[in-house]
């Protein structure tokens, strides 16, 4: 699944084989978020990671959200999901 716009956010969900893979995937997207000083909403657990990007002060999805989505995709491309 790729990024979709949903309720004013850019959202991507990942299926993972276990909790540790979900944790490692979340860890992999921290540096891109910090680099851009743009912080996503992330939820994860056994078998899944859900990331939502939005620019709150702009009231929705902006170019910065798309830029971070591309950077996150690059950060997790080594995961075999």
PDB file of N, CA and C in Angstrom:
ATOM      1  N   UNK A   1       0.849  -1.186   0.000  1.00  0.00           N
ATOM      2  CA  UNK A   1       0.000   0.000   0.000  1.00  0.00           C
ATOM      3  C   UNK A   1       0.889   1.242   0.000  1.00  0.00           C
ATOM      4  N   UNK A   2       0.476   2.239  -0.703  1.00  0.00           N
ATOM      5  CA  UNK A   2       1.228   3.478  -0.716  1.00  0.00           C
ATOM      6  C   UNK A   2       0.480   4.535   0.106  1.00  0.00           C
ATOM      7  N   UNK A   3       0.976   5.744   0.072  1.00  0.00           N
ATOM      8  CA  UNK A   3       0.364   6.839   0.824  1.00  0.00           C
ATOM      9  C   UNK A   3      -0.980   7.219   0.207  1.00  0.00           C
ATOM     10  N   UNK A   4      -1.960   7.471   1.087  1.00  0.00           N
ATOM     11  CA  UNK A   4      -3.271   7.943   0.632  1.00  0.00           C
ATOM     12  C   UNK A   4      -3.661   9.165   1.465  1.00  0.00           C
ATOM     13  N   UNK A   5      -4.432  10.045   0.873  1.00  0.00           N
ATOM     14  CA  UNK A   5      -4.965  11.171   1.631  1.00  0.00           C
ATOM     15  C   UNK A   5      -6.257  10.712   2.292  1.00  0.00           C
ATOM     16  N   UNK A   6      -6.336  10.973   3.602  1.00  0.00           N
ATOM     17  CA  UNK A   6      -7.467  10.505   4.378  1.00  0.00           C
ATOM     18  C   UNK A   6      -7.706  11.472   5.532  1.00  0.00           C
ATOM     19  N   UNK A   7      -8.856  12.079   5.580  1.00  0.00           N
ATOM     20  CA  UNK A   7      -9.232  12.978   6.678  1.00  0.00           C
ATOM     21  C   UNK A   7      -8.190  14.063   6.947  1.00  0.00           C
ATOM     22  N   UNK A   8      -7.695  14.697   5.903  1.00  0.00           N
ATOM     23  CA  UNK A   8      -6.750  15.791   6.062  1.00  0.00           C
ATOM     24  C   UNK A   8      -5.330  15.374   6.398  1.00  0.00           C
ATOM     25  N   UNK A   9      -5.024  14.090   6.221  1.00  0.00           N
ATOM     26  CA  UNK A   9      -3.678  13.578   6.483  1.00  0.00           C
ATOM     27  C   UNK A   9      -3.219  12.714   5.319  1.00  0.00           C
ATOM     28  N   UNK A  10      -1.929  12.563   5.213  1.00  0.00           N
ATOM     29  CA  UNK A  10      -1.323  11.621   4.285  1.00  0.00           C
ATOM     30  C   UNK A  10      -0.997  10.386   5.118  1.00  0.00           C
ATOM     31  N   UNK A  11      -1.551   9.239   4.756  1.00  0.00           N
ATOM     32  CA  UNK A  11      -1.503   8.045   5.608  1.00  0.00           C
ATOM     33  C   UNK A  11      -0.890   6.868   4.857  1.00  0.00           C
ATOM     34  N   UNK A  12      -0.074   6.119   5.583  1.00  0.00           N
ATOM     35  CA  UNK A  12       0.439   4.848   5.051  1.00  0.00           C
ATOM     36  C   UNK A  12       0.416   3.821   6.174  1.00  0.00           C
ATOM     37  N   UNK A  13      -0.008   2.629   5.830  1.00  0.00           N
ATOM     38  CA  UNK A  13      -0.027   1.524   6.778  1.00  0.00           C
ATOM     39  C   UNK A  13       0.871   0.408   6.257  1.00  0.00           C
ATOM     40  N   UNK A  14       1.644  -0.141   7.160  1.00  0.00           N
ATOM     41  CA  UNK A  14       2.548  -1.242   6.845  1.00  0.00           C
ATOM     42  C   UNK A  14       2.112  -2.473   7.622  1.00  0.00           C
ATOM     43  N   UNK A  15       2.140  -3.610   6.978  1.00  0.00           N
ATOM     44  CA  UNK A  15       1.948  -4.899   7.654  1.00  0.00           C
ATOM     45  C   UNK A  15       3.335  -5.449   7.934  1.00  0.00           C
ATOM     46  N   UNK A  16       3.569  -5.891   9.156  1.00  0.00           N
ATOM     47  CA  UNK A  16       4.870  -6.437   9.522  1.00  0.00           C
ATOM     48  C   UNK A  16       4.682  -7.850  10.067  1.00  0.00           C
ATOM     49  N   UNK A  17       5.728  -8.666  10.001  1.00  0.00           N
ATOM     50  CA  UNK A  17       5.579 -10.052  10.454  1.00  0.00           C
ATOM     51  C   UNK A  17       5.574 -10.211  11.967  1.00  0.00           C
ATOM     52  N   UNK A  18       6.005  -9.164  12.691  1.00  0.00           N
ATOM     53  CA  UNK A  18       6.073  -9.283  14.150  1.00  0.00           C
ATOM     54  C   UNK A  18       6.266  -7.900  14.776  1.00  0.00           C
ATOM     55  N   UNK A  19       6.288  -7.859  16.081  1.00  0.00           N
ATOM     56  CA  UNK A  19       6.403  -6.598  16.809  1.00  0.00           C
ATOM     57  C   UNK A  19       7.764  -5.944  16.611  1.00  0.00           C
ATOM     58  N   UNK A  20       8.836  -6.718  16.643  1.00  0.00           N
ATOM     59  CA  UNK A  20      10.176  -6.136  16.516  1.00  0.00           C
ATOM     60  C   UNK A  20      10.397  -5.502  15.150  1.00  0.00           C
ATOM     61  N   UNK A  21       9.835  -6.088  14.105  1.00  0.00           N
ATOM     62  CA  UNK A  21       9.941  -5.465  12.786  1.00  0.00           C
ATOM     63  C   UNK A  21       9.179  -4.149  12.769  1.00  0.00           C
ATOM     64  N   UNK A  22       8.014  -4.113  13.374  1.00  0.00           N
ATOM     65  CA  UNK A  22       7.252  -2.863  13.475  1.00  0.00           C
ATOM     66  C   UNK A  22       8.071  -1.811  14.216  1.00  0.00           C
ATOM     67  N   UNK A  23       8.682  -2.199  15.307  1.00  0.00           N
ATOM     68  CA  UNK A  23       9.516  -1.280  16.091  1.00  0.00           C
ATOM     69  C   UNK A  23      10.690  -0.764  15.259  1.00  0.00           C
ATOM     70  N   UNK A  24      11.360  -1.645  14.552  1.00  0.00           N
ATOM     71  CA  UNK A  24      12.501  -1.233  13.723  1.00  0.00           C
ATOM     72  C   UNK A  24      12.062  -0.303  12.593  1.00  0.00           C
ATOM     73  N   UNK A  25      10.895  -0.558  12.022  1.00  0.00           N
ATOM     74  CA  UNK A  25      10.384   0.309  10.981  1.00  0.00           C
ATOM     75  C   UNK A  25      10.119   1.709  11.541  1.00  0.00           C
ATOM     76  N   UNK A  26       9.499   1.786  12.698  1.00  0.00           N
ATOM     77  CA  UNK A  26       9.268   3.087  13.345  1.00  0.00           C
ATOM     78  C   UNK A  26      10.599   3.778  13.604  1.00  0.00           C
ATOM     79  N   UNK A  27      11.571   3.043  14.104  1.00  0.00           N
ATOM     80  CA  UNK A  27      12.889   3.623  14.372  1.00  0.00           C
ATOM     81  C   UNK A  27      13.529   4.171  13.098  1.00  0.00           C
ATOM     82  N   UNK A  28      13.278   3.516  11.975  1.00  0.00           N
ATOM     83  CA  UNK A  28      13.879   3.944  10.709  1.00  0.00           C
ATOM     84  C   UNK A  28      13.322   5.269  10.203  1.00  0.00           C
ATOM     85  N   UNK A  29      12.108   5.616  10.593  1.00  0.00           N
ATOM     86  CA  UNK A  29      11.513   6.863  10.090  1.00  0.00           C
ATOM     87  C   UNK A  29      11.743   8.058  11.015  1.00  0.00           C
ATOM     88  N   UNK A  30      12.370   7.826  12.150  1.00  0.00           N
ATOM     89  CA  UNK A  30      12.619   8.915  13.099  1.00  0.00           C
ATOM     90  C   UNK A  30      13.607   9.939  12.528  1.00  0.00           C
ATOM     91  N   UNK A  31      14.708   9.486  11.958  1.00  0.00           N
ATOM     92  CA  UNK A  31      15.715  10.422  11.452  1.00  0.00           C
ATOM     93  C   UNK A  31      15.190  11.318  10.331  1.00  0.00           C
ATOM     94  N   UNK A  32      14.469  10.786   9.343  1.00  0.00           N
ATOM     95  CA  UNK A  32      13.918  11.690   8.338  1.00  0.00           C
ATOM     96  C   UNK A  32      12.974  12.742   8.938  1.00  0.00           C
ATOM     97  N   UNK A  33      12.168  12.340   9.894  1.00  0.00           N
ATOM     98  CA  UNK A  33      11.249  13.287  10.532  1.00  0.00           C
ATOM     99  C   UNK A  33      12.026  14.371  11.278  1.00  0.00           C
ATOM    100  N   UNK A  34      13.036  13.972  12.017  1.00  0.00           N
ATOM    101  CA  UNK A  34      13.853  14.941  12.743  1.00  0.00           C
ATOM    102  C   UNK A  34      14.600  15.858  11.788  1.00  0.00           C
ATOM    103  N   UNK A  35      15.112  15.309  10.709  1.00  0.00           N
ATOM    104  CA  UNK A  35      15.856  16.112   9.734  1.00  0.00           C
ATOM    105  C   UNK A  35      14.999  17.223   9.142  1.00  0.00           C
ATOM    106  N   UNK A  36      13.728  16.904   8.904  1.00  0.00           N
ATOM    107  CA  UNK A  36      12.819  17.892   8.330  1.00  0.00           C
ATOM    108  C   UNK A  36      12.072  18.697   9.406  1.00  0.00           C
ATOM    109  N   UNK A  37      12.311  18.349  10.658  1.00  0.00           N
ATOM    110  CA  UNK A  37      11.603  18.992  11.780  1.00  0.00           C
ATOM    111  C   UNK A  37      10.084  18.955  11.550  1.00  0.00           C
ATOM    112  N   UNK A  38       9.642  17.790  11.132  1.00  0.00           N
ATOM    113  CA  UNK A  38       8.224  17.564  10.838  1.00  0.00           C
ATOM    114  C   UNK A  38       7.876  16.195  11.401  1.00  0.00           C
ATOM    115  N   UNK A  39       7.012  16.155  12.379  1.00  0.00           N
ATOM    116  CA  UNK A  39       6.825  14.936  13.165  1.00  0.00           C
ATOM    117  C   UNK A  39       5.471  14.297  12.910  1.00  0.00           C
ATOM    118  N   UNK A  40       5.487  13.034  12.503  1.00  0.00           N
ATOM    119  CA  UNK A  40       4.253  12.322  12.175  1.00  0.00           C
ATOM    120  C   UNK A  40       3.557  11.786  13.423  1.00  0.00           C
ATOM    121  N   UNK A  41       2.304  11.424  13.219  1.00  0.00           N
ATOM    122  CA  UNK A  41       1.594  10.617  14.207  1.00  0.00           C
ATOM    123  C   UNK A  41       1.841   9.172  13.812  1.00  0.00           C
ATOM    124  N   UNK A  42       2.333   8.381  14.746  1.00  0.00           N
ATOM    125  CA  UNK A  42       2.663   6.987  14.466  1.00  0.00           C
ATOM    126  C   UNK A  42       1.996   6.103  15.507  1.00  0.00           C
ATOM    127  N   UNK A  43       1.371   5.041  15.026  1.00  0.00           N
ATOM    128  CA  UNK A  43       0.893   3.999  15.935  1.00  0.00           C
ATOM    129  C   UNK A  43       1.443   2.675  15.406  1.00  0.00           C
ATOM    130  N   UNK A  44       1.797   1.798  16.328  1.00  0.00           N
ATOM    131  CA  UNK A  44       2.307   0.499  15.906  1.00  0.00           C
ATOM    132  C   UNK A  44       2.054  -0.527  16.986  1.00  0.00           C
ATOM    133  N   UNK A  45       2.104  -1.756  16.555  1.00  0.00           N
ATOM    134  CA  UNK A  45       1.923  -2.886  17.457  1.00  0.00           C
ATOM    135  C   UNK A  45       2.327  -4.146  16.724  1.00  0.00           C
ATOM    136  N   UNK A  46       1.909  -5.271  17.240  1.00  0.00           N
ATOM    137  CA  UNK A  46       2.271  -6.530  16.607  1.00  0.00           C
ATOM    138  C   UNK A  46       1.643  -6.563  15.221  1.00  0.00           C
ATOM    139  N   UNK A  47       2.487  -6.572  14.194  1.00  0.00           N
ATOM    140  CA  UNK A  47       2.019  -6.758  12.835  1.00  0.00           C
ATOM    141  C   UNK A  47       1.636  -5.510  12.057  1.00  0.00           C
ATOM    142  N   UNK A  48       1.812  -4.329  12.637  1.00  0.00           N
ATOM    143  CA  UNK A  48       1.421  -3.144  11.875  1.00  0.00           C
ATOM    144  C   UNK A  48       2.150  -1.882  12.329  1.00  0.00           C
ATOM    145  N   UNK A  49       2.249  -0.948  11.390  1.00  0.00           N
ATOM    146  CA  UNK A  49       2.678   0.425  11.662  1.00  0.00           C
ATOM    147  C   UNK A  49       1.759   1.317  10.850  1.00  0.00           C
ATOM    148  N   UNK A  50       1.236   2.362  11.476  1.00  0.00           N
ATOM    149  CA  UNK A  50       0.398   3.342  10.781  1.00  0.00           C
ATOM    150  C   UNK A  50       1.019   4.714  10.990  1.00  0.00           C
ATOM    151  N   UNK A  51       1.294   5.398   9.886  1.00  0.00           N
ATOM    152  CA  UNK A  51       1.901   6.723   9.937  1.00  0.00           C
ATOM    153  C   UNK A  51       0.937   7.715   9.293  1.00  0.00           C
ATOM    154  N   UNK A  52       0.704   8.834   9.972  1.00  0.00           N
ATOM    155  CA  UNK A  52      -0.141   9.896   9.432  1.00  0.00           C
ATOM    156  C   UNK A  52       0.645  11.197   9.448  1.00  0.00           C
ATOM    157  N   UNK A  53       0.670  11.862   8.299  1.00  0.00           N
ATOM    158  CA  UNK A  53       1.376  13.125   8.151  1.00  0.00           C
ATOM    159  C   UNK A  53       0.370  14.232   7.861  1.00  0.00           C
ATOM    160  N   UNK A  54       0.496  15.341   8.555  1.00  0.00           N
ATOM    161  CA  UNK A  54      -0.312  16.511   8.284  1.00  0.00           C
ATOM    162  C   UNK A  54       0.438  17.733   8.794  1.00  0.00           C
ATOM    163  N   UNK A  55       0.168  18.861   8.194  1.00  0.00           N
ATOM    164  CA  UNK A  55       0.751  20.110   8.665  1.00  0.00           C
ATOM    165  C   UNK A  55      -0.354  20.847   9.406  1.00  0.00           C
ATOM    166  N   UNK A  56      -0.351  20.712  10.721  1.00  0.00           N
ATOM    167  CA  UNK A  56      -1.452  21.213  11.542  1.00  0.00           C
ATOM    168  C   UNK A  56      -1.701  22.699  11.340  1.00  0.00           C
ATOM    169  N   UNK A  57      -0.643  23.500  11.297  1.00  0.00           N
ATOM    170  CA  UNK A  57      -0.857  24.945  11.177  1.00  0.00           C
ATOM    171  C   UNK A  57      -1.342  25.355   9.789  1.00  0.00           C
ATOM    172  N   UNK A  58      -1.239  24.457   8.810  1.00  0.00           N
ATOM    173  CA  UNK A  58      -1.778  24.733   7.474  1.00  0.00           C
ATOM    174  C   UNK A  58      -3.158  24.096   7.305  1.00  0.00           C
ATOM    175  N   UNK A  59      -3.545  23.274   8.253  1.00  0.00           N
ATOM    176  CA  UNK A  59      -4.861  22.652   8.205  1.00  0.00           C
ATOM    177  C   UNK A  59      -4.994  21.482   7.254  1.00  0.00           C
ATOM    178  N   UNK A  60      -3.897  20.826   6.941  1.00  0.00           N
ATOM    179  CA  UNK A  60      -3.978  19.657   6.066  1.00  0.00           C
ATOM    180  C   UNK A  60      -2.640  19.273   5.476  1.00  0.00           C
ATOM    181  N   UNK A  61      -2.695  18.589   4.361  1.00  0.00           N
ATOM    182  CA  UNK A  61      -1.513  18.048   3.708  1.00  0.00           C
ATOM    183  C   UNK A  61      -0.834  19.147   2.881  1.00  0.00           C
ATOM    184  N   UNK A  62       0.487  19.244   3.025  1.00  0.00           N
ATOM    185  CA  UNK A  62       1.272  20.223   2.283  1.00  0.00           C
ATOM    186  C   UNK A  62       2.431  19.523   1.577  1.00  0.00           C
ATOM    187  N   UNK A  63       3.211  20.315   0.858  1.00  0.00           N
ATOM    188  CA  UNK A  63       4.397  19.776   0.170  1.00  0.00           C
ATOM    189  C   UNK A  63       5.370  19.163   1.168  1.00  0.00           C
ATOM    190  N   UNK A  64       5.449  19.710   2.377  1.00  0.00           N
ATOM    191  CA  UNK A  64       6.339  19.161   3.403  1.00  0.00           C
ATOM    192  C   UNK A  64       5.932  17.737   3.775  1.00  0.00           C
ATOM    193  N   UNK A  65       4.638  17.480   3.840  1.00  0.00           N
ATOM    194  CA  UNK A  65       4.165  16.120   4.143  1.00  0.00           C
ATOM    195  C   UNK A  65       4.574  15.152   3.032  1.00  0.00           C
ATOM    196  N   UNK A  66       4.444  15.587   1.792  1.00  0.00           N
ATOM    197  CA  UNK A  66       4.848  14.738   0.668  1.00  0.00           C
ATOM    198  C   UNK A  66       6.357  14.513   0.658  1.00  0.00           C
ATOM    199  N   UNK A  67       7.113  15.544   1.011  1.00  0.00           N
ATOM    200  CA  UNK A  67       8.572  15.417   1.087  1.00  0.00           C
ATOM    201  C   UNK A  67       8.960  14.403   2.164  1.00  0.00           C
ATOM    202  N   UNK A  68       8.321  14.486   3.327  1.00  0.00           N
ATOM    203  CA  UNK A  68       8.617  13.537   4.402  1.00  0.00           C
ATOM    204  C   UNK A  68       8.177  12.126   4.015  1.00  0.00           C
ATOM    205  N   UNK A  69       7.052  11.997   3.351  1.00  0.00           N
ATOM    206  CA  UNK A  69       6.598  10.670   2.904  1.00  0.00           C
ATOM    207  C   UNK A  69       7.647  10.026   1.994  1.00  0.00           C
ATOM    208  N   UNK A  70       8.190  10.798   1.059  1.00  0.00           N
ATOM    209  CA  UNK A  70       9.231  10.254   0.164  1.00  0.00           C
ATOM    210  C   UNK A  70      10.477   9.854   0.960  1.00  0.00           C
ATOM    211  N   UNK A  71      10.866  10.689   1.914  1.00  0.00           N
ATOM    212  CA  UNK A  71      12.042  10.378   2.740  1.00  0.00           C
ATOM    213  C   UNK A  71      11.805   9.124   3.586  1.00  0.00           C
ATOM    214  N   UNK A  72      10.601   8.972   4.104  1.00  0.00           N
ATOM    215  CA  UNK A  72      10.276   7.776   4.889  1.00  0.00           C
ATOM    216  C   UNK A  72      10.264   6.539   4.012  1.00  0.00           C
ATOM    217  N   UNK A  73       9.726   6.659   2.813  1.00  0.00           N
ATOM    218  CA  UNK A  73       9.743   5.517   1.882  1.00  0.00           C
ATOM    219  C   UNK A  73      11.174   5.066   1.620  1.00  0.00           C
ATOM    220  N   UNK A  74      12.053   6.021   1.440  1.00  0.00           N
ATOM    221  CA  UNK A  74      13.468   5.699   1.213  1.00  0.00           C
ATOM    222  C   UNK A  74      14.066   5.004   2.439  1.00  0.00           C
ATOM    223  N   UNK A  75      13.706   5.482   3.622  1.00  0.00           N
ATOM    224  CA  UNK A  75      14.262   4.929   4.869  1.00  0.00           C
ATOM    225  C   UNK A  75      13.828   3.495   5.131  1.00  0.00           C
ATOM    226  N   UNK A  76      12.665   3.113   4.625  1.00  0.00           N
ATOM    227  CA  UNK A  76      12.161   1.763   4.922  1.00  0.00           C
ATOM    228  C   UNK A  76      12.219   0.817   3.724  1.00  0.00           C
ATOM    229  N   UNK A  77      12.816   1.258   2.625  1.00  0.00           N
ATOM    230  CA  UNK A  77      12.814   0.405   1.435  1.00  0.00           C
ATOM    231  C   UNK A  77      13.595  -0.892   1.617  1.00  0.00           C
ATOM    232  N   UNK A  78      14.497  -0.936   2.581  1.00  0.00           N
ATOM    233  CA  UNK A  78      15.248  -2.174   2.817  1.00  0.00           C
ATOM    234  C   UNK A  78      14.422  -3.228   3.567  1.00  0.00           C
ATOM    235  N   UNK A  79      13.288  -2.825   4.135  1.00  0.00           N
ATOM    236  CA  UNK A  79      12.420  -3.781   4.813  1.00  0.00           C
ATOM    237  C   UNK A  79      11.692  -4.593   3.748  1.00  0.00           C
ATOM    238  N   UNK A  80      11.630  -5.869   3.927  1.00  0.00           N
ATOM    239  CA  UNK A  80      10.985  -6.750   2.950  1.00  0.00           C
ATOM    240  C   UNK A  80       9.507  -6.924   3.338  1.00  0.00           C
ATOM    241  N   UNK A  81       8.724  -5.891   3.021  1.00  0.00           N
ATOM    242  CA  UNK A  81       7.296  -5.919   3.413  1.00  0.00           C
ATOM    243  C   UNK A  81       6.406  -5.900   2.202  1.00  0.00           C
TER     244      UNK A  81
END
